Amino acid sequence: MTKHEFEVAMTCEGCSGAVTRVLNKIGEVNFEIDLPKKLVWIESDKDVEVLMETLKKCGKEVKYNGTK
């Protein structure tokens, strides 16, 4: 599985909770959230576009930083 890094405009625990909820819905992903750095690492075989669109559902600005 590939590990992708995304920058998500999270400011609080509520924001990271929203990210957790949308990612849990797509299944077959492992993820880590670093709230202070506003980073989300997602390990998945899904297409980057799918992951990006899923993250955008939490209502925050999302930027793809590449694979790690």
PDB file of N, CA and C in Angstrom:
ATOM      1  N   MET A   1       0.837  -1.190   0.000  1.00  0.00           N
ATOM      2  CA  MET A   1       0.000   0.000   0.000  1.00  0.00           C
ATOM      3  C   MET A   1       0.879   1.250   0.000  1.00  0.00           C
ATOM      4  N   THR A   2       0.402   2.263  -0.666  1.00  0.00           N
ATOM      5  CA  THR A   2       1.130   3.516  -0.759  1.00  0.00           C
ATOM      6  C   THR A   2       0.702   4.455   0.358  1.00  0.00           C
ATOM      7  N   LYS A   3       1.664   5.189   0.905  1.00  0.00           N
ATOM      8  CA  LYS A   3       1.359   6.160   1.958  1.00  0.00           C
ATOM      9  C   LYS A   3       1.371   7.562   1.353  1.00  0.00           C
ATOM     10  N   HIS A   4       0.240   8.249   1.462  1.00  0.00           N
ATOM     11  CA  HIS A   4       0.080   9.587   0.899  1.00  0.00           C
ATOM     12  C   HIS A   4       0.006  10.618   2.011  1.00  0.00           C
ATOM     13  N   GLU A   5       0.574  11.802   1.760  1.00  0.00           N
ATOM     14  CA  GLU A   5       0.504  12.880   2.743  1.00  0.00           C
ATOM     15  C   GLU A   5      -0.389  13.999   2.213  1.00  0.00           C
ATOM     16  N   PHE A   6      -1.327  14.409   3.049  1.00  0.00           N
ATOM     17  CA  PHE A   6      -2.227  15.505   2.711  1.00  0.00           C
ATOM     18  C   PHE A   6      -2.138  16.584   3.783  1.00  0.00           C
ATOM     19  N   GLU A   7      -2.254  17.828   3.361  1.00  0.00           N
ATOM     20  CA  GLU A   7      -2.347  18.951   4.283  1.00  0.00           C
ATOM     21  C   GLU A   7      -3.825  19.330   4.341  1.00  0.00           C
ATOM     22  N   VAL A   8      -4.401  19.308   5.536  1.00  0.00           N
ATOM     23  CA  VAL A   8      -5.821  19.611   5.710  1.00  0.00           C
ATOM     24  C   VAL A   8      -5.944  20.771   6.700  1.00  0.00           C
ATOM     25  N   ALA A   9      -6.736  21.778   6.351  1.00  0.00           N
ATOM     26  CA  ALA A   9      -6.875  22.983   7.184  1.00  0.00           C
ATOM     27  C   ALA A   9      -7.675  22.685   8.456  1.00  0.00           C
ATOM     28  N   MET A  10      -7.079  21.897   9.361  1.00  0.00           N
ATOM     29  CA  MET A  10      -7.735  21.530  10.625  1.00  0.00           C
ATOM     30  C   MET A  10      -7.282  22.491  11.712  1.00  0.00           C
ATOM     31  N   THR A  11      -8.220  22.920  12.546  1.00  0.00           N
ATOM     32  CA  THR A  11      -7.866  23.852  13.614  1.00  0.00           C
ATOM     33  C   THR A  11      -8.177  23.310  15.008  1.00  0.00           C
ATOM     34  N   CYS A  12      -8.960  22.227  15.086  1.00  0.00           N
ATOM     35  CA  CYS A  12      -9.365  21.731  16.410  1.00  0.00           C
ATOM     36  C   CYS A  12      -9.661  20.229  16.357  1.00  0.00           C
ATOM     37  N   GLU A  13      -9.991  19.680  17.525  1.00  0.00           N
ATOM     38  CA  GLU A  13     -10.332  18.253  17.612  1.00  0.00           C
ATOM     39  C   GLU A  13     -11.567  17.919  16.771  1.00  0.00           C
ATOM     40  N   GLY A  14     -12.481  18.872  16.665  1.00  0.00           N
ATOM     41  CA  GLY A  14     -13.679  18.657  15.843  1.00  0.00           C
ATOM     42  C   GLY A  14     -13.323  18.436  14.385  1.00  0.00           C
ATOM     43  N   CYS A  15     -12.333  19.196  13.924  1.00  0.00           N
ATOM     44  CA  CYS A  15     -11.868  19.061  12.533  1.00  0.00           C
ATOM     45  C   CYS A  15     -11.250  17.678  12.311  1.00  0.00           C
ATOM     46  N   SER A  16     -10.383  17.265  13.223  1.00  0.00           N
ATOM     47  CA  SER A  16      -9.739  15.958  13.061  1.00  0.00           C
ATOM     48  C   SER A  16     -10.777  14.845  13.199  1.00  0.00           C
ATOM     49  N   GLY A  17     -11.797  15.073  14.007  1.00  0.00           N
ATOM     50  CA  GLY A  17     -12.890  14.103  14.130  1.00  0.00           C
ATOM     51  C   GLY A  17     -13.654  13.963  12.828  1.00  0.00           C
ATOM     52  N   ALA A  18     -13.867  15.080  12.139  1.00  0.00           N
ATOM     53  CA  ALA A  18     -14.561  15.054  10.842  1.00  0.00           C
ATOM     54  C   ALA A  18     -13.734  14.281   9.819  1.00  0.00           C
ATOM     55  N   VAL A  19     -12.423  14.486   9.831  1.00  0.00           N
ATOM     56  CA  VAL A  19     -11.523  13.754   8.919  1.00  0.00           C
ATOM     57  C   VAL A  19     -11.598  12.259   9.221  1.00  0.00           C
ATOM     58  N   THR A  20     -11.559  11.904  10.494  1.00  0.00           N
ATOM     59  CA  THR A  20     -11.652  10.504  10.906  1.00  0.00           C
ATOM     60  C   THR A  20     -12.957   9.878  10.412  1.00  0.00           C
ATOM     61  N   ARG A  21     -14.052  10.585  10.568  1.00  0.00           N
ATOM     62  CA  ARG A  21     -15.363  10.047  10.143  1.00  0.00           C
ATOM     63  C   ARG A  21     -15.419   9.790   8.639  1.00  0.00           C
ATOM     64  N   VAL A  22     -14.963  10.751   7.818  1.00  0.00           N
ATOM     65  CA  VAL A  22     -15.042  10.549   6.366  1.00  0.00           C
ATOM     66  C   VAL A  22     -14.105   9.440   5.902  1.00  0.00           C
ATOM     67  N   LEU A  23     -12.929   9.319   6.539  1.00  0.00           N
ATOM     68  CA  LEU A  23     -11.995   8.265   6.131  1.00  0.00           C
ATOM     69  C   LEU A  23     -12.480   6.880   6.561  1.00  0.00           C
ATOM     70  N   ASN A  24     -13.119   6.796   7.708  1.00  0.00           N
ATOM     71  CA  ASN A  24     -13.650   5.505   8.159  1.00  0.00           C
ATOM     72  C   ASN A  24     -14.760   5.001   7.242  1.00  0.00           C
ATOM     73  N   LYS A  25     -15.451   5.900   6.566  1.00  0.00           N
ATOM     74  CA  LYS A  25     -16.543   5.498   5.668  1.00  0.00           C
ATOM     75  C   LYS A  25     -16.054   4.812   4.403  1.00  0.00           C
ATOM     76  N   ILE A  26     -14.842   5.154   3.926  1.00  0.00           N
ATOM     77  CA  ILE A  26     -14.394   4.545   2.667  1.00  0.00           C
ATOM     78  C   ILE A  26     -13.750   3.174   2.880  1.00  0.00           C
ATOM     79  N   GLY A  27     -13.334   2.864   4.089  1.00  0.00           N
ATOM     80  CA  GLY A  27     -12.791   1.541   4.386  1.00  0.00           C
ATOM     81  C   GLY A  27     -11.465   1.254   3.701  1.00  0.00           C
ATOM     82  N   GLU A  28     -10.822   0.195   4.153  1.00  0.00           N
ATOM     83  CA  GLU A  28      -9.539  -0.257   3.590  1.00  0.00           C
ATOM     84  C   GLU A  28      -8.476   0.828   3.550  1.00  0.00           C
ATOM     85  N   VAL A  29      -8.450   1.689   4.568  1.00  0.00           N
ATOM     86  CA  VAL A  29      -7.394   2.688   4.673  1.00  0.00           C
ATOM     87  C   VAL A  29      -6.856   2.703   6.102  1.00  0.00           C
ATOM     88  N   ASN A  30      -5.563   2.933   6.229  1.00  0.00           N
ATOM     89  CA  ASN A  30      -4.946   3.200   7.526  1.00  0.00           C
ATOM     90  C   ASN A  30      -4.547   4.662   7.473  1.00  0.00           C
ATOM     91  N   PHE A  31      -4.787   5.389   8.552  1.00  0.00           N
ATOM     92  CA  PHE A  31      -4.424   6.803   8.511  1.00  0.00           C
ATOM     93  C   PHE A  31      -3.960   7.300   9.866  1.00  0.00           C
ATOM     94  N   GLU A  32      -3.174   8.375   9.803  1.00  0.00           N
ATOM     95  CA  GLU A  32      -2.678   9.063  10.993  1.00  0.00           C
ATOM     96  C   GLU A  32      -2.995  10.535  10.805  1.00  0.00           C
ATOM     97  N   ILE A  33      -3.336  11.202  11.905  1.00  0.00           N
ATOM     98  CA  ILE A  33      -3.620  12.630  11.844  1.00  0.00           C
ATOM     99  C   ILE A  33      -2.674  13.352  12.794  1.00  0.00           C
ATOM    100  N   ASP A  34      -2.002  14.378  12.284  1.00  0.00           N
ATOM    101  CA  ASP A  34      -1.155  15.238  13.113  1.00  0.00           C
ATOM    102  C   ASP A  34      -1.812  16.612  13.123  1.00  0.00           C
ATOM    103  N   LEU A  35      -2.648  16.848  14.122  1.00  0.00           N
ATOM    104  CA  LEU A  35      -3.420  18.085  14.194  1.00  0.00           C
ATOM    105  C   LEU A  35      -2.547  19.344  14.260  1.00  0.00           C
ATOM    106  N   PRO A  36      -1.506  19.397  15.132  1.00  0.00           N
ATOM    107  CA  PRO A  36      -0.686  20.626  15.187  1.00  0.00           C
ATOM    108  C   PRO A  36      -0.035  20.983  13.847  1.00  0.00           C
ATOM    109  N   LYS A  37       0.373  19.970  13.090  1.00  0.00           N
ATOM    110  CA  LYS A  37       1.018  20.221  11.790  1.00  0.00           C
ATOM    111  C   LYS A  37       0.010  20.247  10.646  1.00  0.00           C
ATOM    112  N   LYS A  38      -1.266  19.955  10.944  1.00  0.00           N
ATOM    113  CA  LYS A  38      -2.345  19.938   9.952  1.00  0.00           C
ATOM    114  C   LYS A  38      -2.080  18.923   8.833  1.00  0.00           C
ATOM    115  N   LEU A  39      -1.508  17.773   9.209  1.00  0.00           N
ATOM    116  CA  LEU A  39      -1.180  16.739   8.230  1.00  0.00           C
ATOM    117  C   LEU A  39      -1.990  15.476   8.468  1.00  0.00           C
ATOM    118  N   VAL A  40      -2.308  14.803   7.361  1.00  0.00           N
ATOM    119  CA  VAL A  40      -2.990  13.510   7.407  1.00  0.00           C
ATOM    120  C   VAL A  40      -2.214  12.580   6.489  1.00  0.00           C
ATOM    121  N   TRP A  41      -1.792  11.439   7.040  1.00  0.00           N
ATOM    122  CA  TRP A  41      -1.130  10.408   6.228  1.00  0.00           C
ATOM    123  C   TRP A  41      -2.116   9.275   6.041  1.00  0.00           C
ATOM    124  N   ILE A  42      -2.308   8.886   4.788  1.00  0.00           N
ATOM    125  CA  ILE A  42      -3.250   7.812   4.474  1.00  0.00           C
ATOM    126  C   ILE A  42      -2.509   6.714   3.729  1.00  0.00           C
ATOM    127  N   GLU A  43      -2.605   5.497   4.252  1.00  0.00           N
ATOM    128  CA  GLU A  43      -2.012   4.338   3.601  1.00  0.00           C
ATOM    129  C   GLU A  43      -3.148   3.586   2.929  1.00  0.00           C
ATOM    130  N   SER A  44      -3.096   3.544   1.587  1.00  0.00           N
ATOM    131  CA  SER A  44      -4.208   2.948   0.845  1.00  0.00           C
ATOM    132  C   SER A  44      -3.793   2.630  -0.581  1.00  0.00           C
ATOM    133  N   ASP A  45      -4.515   1.685  -1.186  1.00  0.00           N
ATOM    134  CA  ASP A  45      -4.311   1.381  -2.608  1.00  0.00           C
ATOM    135  C   ASP A  45      -5.283   2.177  -3.471  1.00  0.00           C
ATOM    136  N   LYS A  46      -6.130   2.971  -2.837  1.00  0.00           N
ATOM    137  CA  LYS A  46      -7.103   3.764  -3.587  1.00  0.00           C
ATOM    138  C   LYS A  46      -6.401   4.901  -4.315  1.00  0.00           C
ATOM    139  N   ASP A  47      -7.035   5.380  -5.389  1.00  0.00           N
ATOM    140  CA  ASP A  47      -6.503   6.463  -6.198  1.00  0.00           C
ATOM    141  C   ASP A  47      -6.416   7.749  -5.373  1.00  0.00           C
ATOM    142  N   VAL A  48      -5.403   8.559  -5.622  1.00  0.00           N
ATOM    143  CA  VAL A  48      -5.217   9.822  -4.896  1.00  0.00           C
ATOM    144  C   VAL A  48      -6.444  10.718  -5.035  1.00  0.00           C
ATOM    145  N   GLU A  49      -7.040  10.746  -6.222  1.00  0.00           N
ATOM    146  CA  GLU A  49      -8.230  11.583  -6.441  1.00  0.00           C
ATOM    147  C   GLU A  49      -9.386  11.160  -5.535  1.00  0.00           C
ATOM    148  N   VAL A  50      -9.544   9.859  -5.342  1.00  0.00           N
ATOM    149  CA  VAL A  50     -10.600   9.341  -4.460  1.00  0.00           C
ATOM    150  C   VAL A  50     -10.342   9.809  -3.026  1.00  0.00           C
ATOM    151  N   LEU A  51      -9.094   9.697  -2.588  1.00  0.00           N
ATOM    152  CA  LEU A  51      -8.736  10.114  -1.233  1.00  0.00           C
ATOM    153  C   LEU A  51      -8.934  11.620  -1.060  1.00  0.00           C
ATOM    154  N   MET A  52      -8.543  12.386  -2.068  1.00  0.00           N
ATOM    155  CA  MET A  52      -8.679  13.844  -2.026  1.00  0.00           C
ATOM    156  C   MET A  52     -10.149  14.255  -1.929  1.00  0.00           C
ATOM    157  N   GLU A  53     -10.984  13.667  -2.774  1.00  0.00           N
ATOM    158  CA  GLU A  53     -12.417  13.992  -2.759  1.00  0.00           C
ATOM    159  C   GLU A  53     -13.056  13.586  -1.434  1.00  0.00           C
ATOM    160  N   THR A  54     -12.620  12.467  -0.880  1.00  0.00           N
ATOM    161  CA  THR A  54     -13.137  12.022   0.419  1.00  0.00           C
ATOM    162  C   THR A  54     -12.774  13.021   1.505  1.00  0.00           C
ATOM    163  N   LEU A  55     -11.517  13.460   1.529  1.00  0.00           N
ATOM    164  CA  LEU A  55     -11.090  14.431   2.534  1.00  0.00           C
ATOM    165  C   LEU A  55     -11.837  15.751   2.404  1.00  0.00           C
ATOM    166  N   LYS A  56     -12.139  16.156   1.174  1.00  0.00           N
ATOM    167  CA  LYS A  56     -12.849  17.424   0.955  1.00  0.00           C
ATOM    168  C   LYS A  56     -14.259  17.394   1.530  1.00  0.00           C
ATOM    169  N   LYS A  57     -14.805  16.194   1.725  1.00  0.00           N
ATOM    170  CA  LYS A  57     -16.157  16.064   2.285  1.00  0.00           C
ATOM    171  C   LYS A  57     -16.235  16.565   3.723  1.00  0.00           C
ATOM    172  N   CYS A  58     -15.095  16.704   4.395  1.00  0.00           N
ATOM    173  CA  CYS A  58     -15.122  17.217   5.768  1.00  0.00           C
ATOM    174  C   CYS A  58     -15.220  18.743   5.775  1.00  0.00           C
ATOM    175  N   GLY A  59     -15.237  19.367   4.601  1.00  0.00           N
ATOM    176  CA  GLY A  59     -15.448  20.807   4.500  1.00  0.00           C
ATOM    177  C   GLY A  59     -14.203  21.660   4.682  1.00  0.00           C
ATOM    178  N   LYS A  60     -13.051  21.041   4.663  1.00  0.00           N
ATOM    179  CA  LYS A  60     -11.790  21.772   4.864  1.00  0.00           C
ATOM    180  C   LYS A  60     -10.995  21.830   3.569  1.00  0.00           C
ATOM    181  N   GLU A  61     -10.098  22.809   3.500  1.00  0.00           N
ATOM    182  CA  GLU A  61      -9.205  22.919   2.359  1.00  0.00           C
ATOM    183  C   GLU A  61      -8.191  21.790   2.430  1.00  0.00           C
ATOM    184  N   VAL A  62      -7.957  21.129   1.289  1.00  0.00           N
ATOM    185  CA  VAL A  62      -7.062  19.964   1.253  1.00  0.00           C
ATOM    186  C   VAL A  62      -6.005  20.164   0.175  1.00  0.00           C
ATOM    187  N   LYS A  63      -4.765  19.822   0.511  1.00  0.00           N
ATOM    188  CA  LYS A  63      -3.661  19.900  -0.439  1.00  0.00           C
ATOM    189  C   LYS A  63      -2.900  18.574  -0.397  1.00  0.00           C
ATOM    190  N   TYR A  64      -2.585  18.032  -1.569  1.00  0.00           N
ATOM    191  CA  TYR A  64      -1.832  16.775  -1.645  1.00  0.00           C
ATOM    192  C   TYR A  64      -0.347  17.093  -1.663  1.00  0.00           C
ATOM    193  N   ASN A  65       0.408  16.510  -0.714  1.00  0.00           N
ATOM    194  CA  ASN A  65       1.855  16.763  -0.639  1.00  0.00           C
ATOM    195  C   ASN A  65       2.700  15.693  -1.300  1.00  0.00           C
ATOM    196  N   GLY A  66       2.093  14.569  -1.677  1.00  0.00           N
ATOM    197  CA  GLY A  66       2.844  13.509  -2.336  1.00  0.00           C
ATOM    198  C   GLY A  66       2.913  12.239  -1.493  1.00  0.00           C
ATOM    199  N   THR A  67       3.703  11.289  -1.973  1.00  0.00           N
ATOM    200  CA  THR A  67       3.836  10.015  -1.261  1.00  0.00           C
ATOM    201  C   THR A  67       4.979  10.120  -0.264  1.00  0.00           C
ATOM    202  N   LYS A  68       4.888   9.307   0.782  1.00  0.00           N
ATOM    203  CA  LYS A  68       5.932   9.326   1.819  1.00  0.00           C
ATOM    204  C   LYS A  68       6.509   7.947   1.988  1.00  0.00           C
TER     205      LYS A  68
END
